[in-house]
């Protein structure tokens, strides 16, 4: 296994693990903890997802650079990475600002928390699912 191939496998599966652990385990469980209110959970979530997106951005850039120097990566790997990086870019540039505005509004007036989830939240989850698909495609293709 080449250095770029092993680096790619490690980076893809670390990224995938972080997304699965934070977005689909920590985030929903946080609101079930005793004493966690919606405003408190949103404040924690804002910090956690800001950090997650920063780490994801570093992983994405590192993977793009690694892919650029690799000579043994298939089109499936490249397409999977394009999907994952594109989903991350959409989240950071378009969806997170909308979520931040909603969080700021809830934190400013915690007595008037909307009963339904925002469409931006659903868009963020959809991007996470697309990102997972891209990372799985890239990771499995790297292993084949």
Protein backbone atom coordinates (compact mmCIF):
# COMPACT_ATOMS: atom_id res chain seq x y z
CA UNK A 1 0.00 0.00 0.00
CA UNK A 2 1.45 3.37 -1.01
CA UNK A 3 1.88 6.26 1.40
CA UNK A 4 -0.82 8.32 -0.33
CA UNK A 5 -3.21 5.37 -0.28
CA UNK A 6 -2.72 4.63 3.43
CA UNK A 7 -2.93 8.35 4.25
CA UNK A 8 -6.17 8.61 2.26
CA UNK A 9 -7.72 5.61 3.99
CA UNK A 10 -6.83 6.96 7.42
CA UNK A 11 -8.09 10.48 6.71
CA UNK A 12 -11.35 9.34 5.11
CA UNK A 13 -12.27 6.98 7.92
CA UNK A 14 -11.26 9.42 10.68
CA UNK A 15 -13.50 12.03 9.02
CA UNK A 16 -16.33 9.52 8.64
CA UNK A 17 -16.03 8.46 12.27
CA UNK A 18 -16.14 12.04 13.49
CA UNK A 19 -19.28 12.81 11.48
CA UNK A 20 -21.06 9.67 12.66
CA UNK A 21 -20.05 10.13 16.31
CA UNK A 22 -20.90 13.80 16.60
CA UNK A 23 -23.81 14.30 14.23
CA UNK A 24 -25.66 11.06 14.84
CA UNK A 25 -24.66 10.13 18.39
CA UNK A 26 -23.60 13.13 20.48
CA UNK A 27 -25.96 15.73 19.04
CA UNK A 28 -29.26 13.88 19.59
CA UNK A 29 -28.20 12.37 22.93
CA UNK A 30 -27.18 15.76 24.33
CA UNK A 31 -30.82 16.86 24.46
CA UNK A 32 -31.78 13.77 26.47
CA UNK A 33 -29.34 14.50 29.29
CA UNK A 34 -30.89 15.66 32.56
CA UNK A 35 -30.92 19.42 32.97
CA UNK A 36 -30.10 20.24 29.35
CA UNK A 37 -32.49 22.86 28.07
CA UNK A 38 -32.98 23.72 24.40
CA UNK A 39 -30.97 26.97 24.72
CA UNK A 40 -28.15 25.21 26.59
CA UNK A 41 -28.07 22.36 24.06
CA UNK A 42 -28.02 24.82 21.17
CA UNK A 43 -25.15 26.74 22.73
CA UNK A 44 -23.16 23.53 23.19
CA UNK A 45 -24.07 22.39 19.68
CA UNK A 46 -22.88 25.67 18.19
CA UNK A 47 -19.44 25.17 19.74
CA UNK A 48 -19.21 21.48 18.90
CA UNK A 49 -20.27 21.86 15.27
CA UNK A 50 -18.02 24.88 14.74
CA UNK A 51 -15.10 22.74 15.95
CA UNK A 52 -16.24 19.73 13.90
CA UNK A 53 -16.49 21.80 10.73
CA UNK A 54 -13.03 23.28 11.34
CA UNK A 55 -11.48 19.83 11.75
CA UNK A 56 -13.44 18.56 8.73
CA UNK A 57 -12.08 21.45 6.68
CA UNK A 58 -8.52 20.53 7.60
CA UNK A 59 -9.20 16.89 6.73
CA UNK A 60 -10.81 17.90 3.43
CA UNK A 61 -7.89 20.12 2.41
CA UNK A 62 -5.41 17.41 3.40
CA UNK A 63 -7.34 14.83 1.37
CA UNK A 64 -7.50 17.12 -1.67
CA UNK A 65 -3.73 17.69 -1.49
CA UNK A 66 -3.11 13.96 -1.01
CA UNK A 67 -5.37 13.14 -3.96
CA UNK A 68 -3.53 15.66 -6.12
CA UNK A 69 -0.20 13.91 -5.56
CA UNK A 70 -1.57 10.36 -5.61
CA UNK A 71 -1.15 8.33 -8.77
CA UNK A 72 -3.12 5.27 -7.72
CA UNK A 73 -6.55 6.64 -6.77
CA UNK A 74 -9.56 5.58 -8.84
CA UNK A 75 -12.28 7.83 -10.16
CA UNK A 76 -14.62 6.40 -7.52
CA UNK A 77 -12.33 7.76 -4.81
CA UNK A 78 -12.13 11.18 -6.45
CA UNK A 79 -15.90 11.36 -7.02
CA UNK A 80 -16.59 10.32 -3.42
CA UNK A 81 -14.26 13.04 -2.17
CA UNK A 82 -15.88 15.63 -4.45
CA UNK A 83 -19.28 14.73 -2.98
CA UNK A 84 -18.01 14.86 0.63
CA UNK A 85 -16.08 18.11 0.19
CA UNK A 86 -19.01 19.66 -1.68
CA UNK A 87 -21.45 18.70 1.09
CA UNK A 88 -19.10 20.20 3.69
CA UNK A 89 -18.76 23.41 1.68
CA UNK A 90 -22.55 23.67 1.37
CA UNK A 91 -22.95 23.16 5.11
CA UNK A 92 -20.34 25.71 6.10
CA UNK A 93 -21.18 28.37 3.51
CA UNK A 94 -24.97 28.13 3.25
CA UNK A 95 -26.57 26.02 5.98
CA UNK A 96 -24.58 26.91 9.12
CA UNK A 97 -25.21 30.66 8.77
CA UNK A 98 -28.97 29.99 8.75
CA UNK A 99 -28.64 27.70 11.77
CA UNK A 100 -26.54 30.32 13.55
CA UNK A 101 -29.23 32.95 13.02
CA UNK A 102 -31.87 30.62 14.45
CA UNK A 103 -29.67 29.69 17.42
CA UNK A 104 -28.99 33.36 18.12
CA UNK A 105 -32.72 34.08 18.06
CA UNK A 106 -33.47 31.22 20.47
CA UNK A 107 -30.66 32.25 22.80
CA UNK A 108 -31.89 35.86 22.73
CA UNK A 109 -35.43 34.81 23.67
CA UNK A 110 -35.38 31.32 25.25
CA UNK A 111 -39.05 31.56 26.24
CA UNK A 112 -40.13 31.47 22.59
CA UNK A 113 -38.38 28.35 21.30
CA UNK A 114 -40.06 27.24 18.05
CA UNK A 115 -41.76 23.85 18.38
CA UNK A 116 -40.65 22.55 15.01
CA UNK A 117 -37.16 22.04 13.65
CA UNK A 118 -35.91 24.54 11.15
CA UNK A 119 -35.55 23.67 7.49
CA UNK A 120 -31.89 24.60 7.84
CA UNK A 121 -31.50 21.85 10.44
CA UNK A 122 -33.03 19.34 8.06
CA UNK A 123 -30.74 20.62 5.28
CA UNK A 124 -27.73 20.15 7.57
CA UNK A 125 -28.75 16.55 8.31
CA UNK A 126 -29.28 15.92 4.58
CA UNK A 127 -25.78 17.26 3.88
CA UNK A 128 -24.40 14.98 6.58
CA UNK A 129 -26.04 11.97 4.91
CA UNK A 130 -24.65 12.98 1.51
CA UNK A 131 -21.22 13.49 3.09
CA UNK A 132 -21.36 10.04 4.67
CA UNK A 133 -22.20 8.54 1.28
CA UNK A 134 -19.26 10.32 -0.33
CA UNK A 135 -16.85 9.30 2.41
CA UNK A 136 -18.02 5.68 2.34
CA UNK A 137 -17.62 5.60 -1.43
CA UNK A 138 -14.12 7.09 -1.26
CA UNK A 139 -13.03 4.93 1.66
CA UNK A 140 -14.27 1.65 0.23
CA UNK A 141 -12.81 2.48 -3.19
CA UNK A 142 -9.45 3.23 -1.58
CA UNK A 143 -9.48 -0.21 0.06
CA UNK A 144 -10.31 -2.07 -3.17
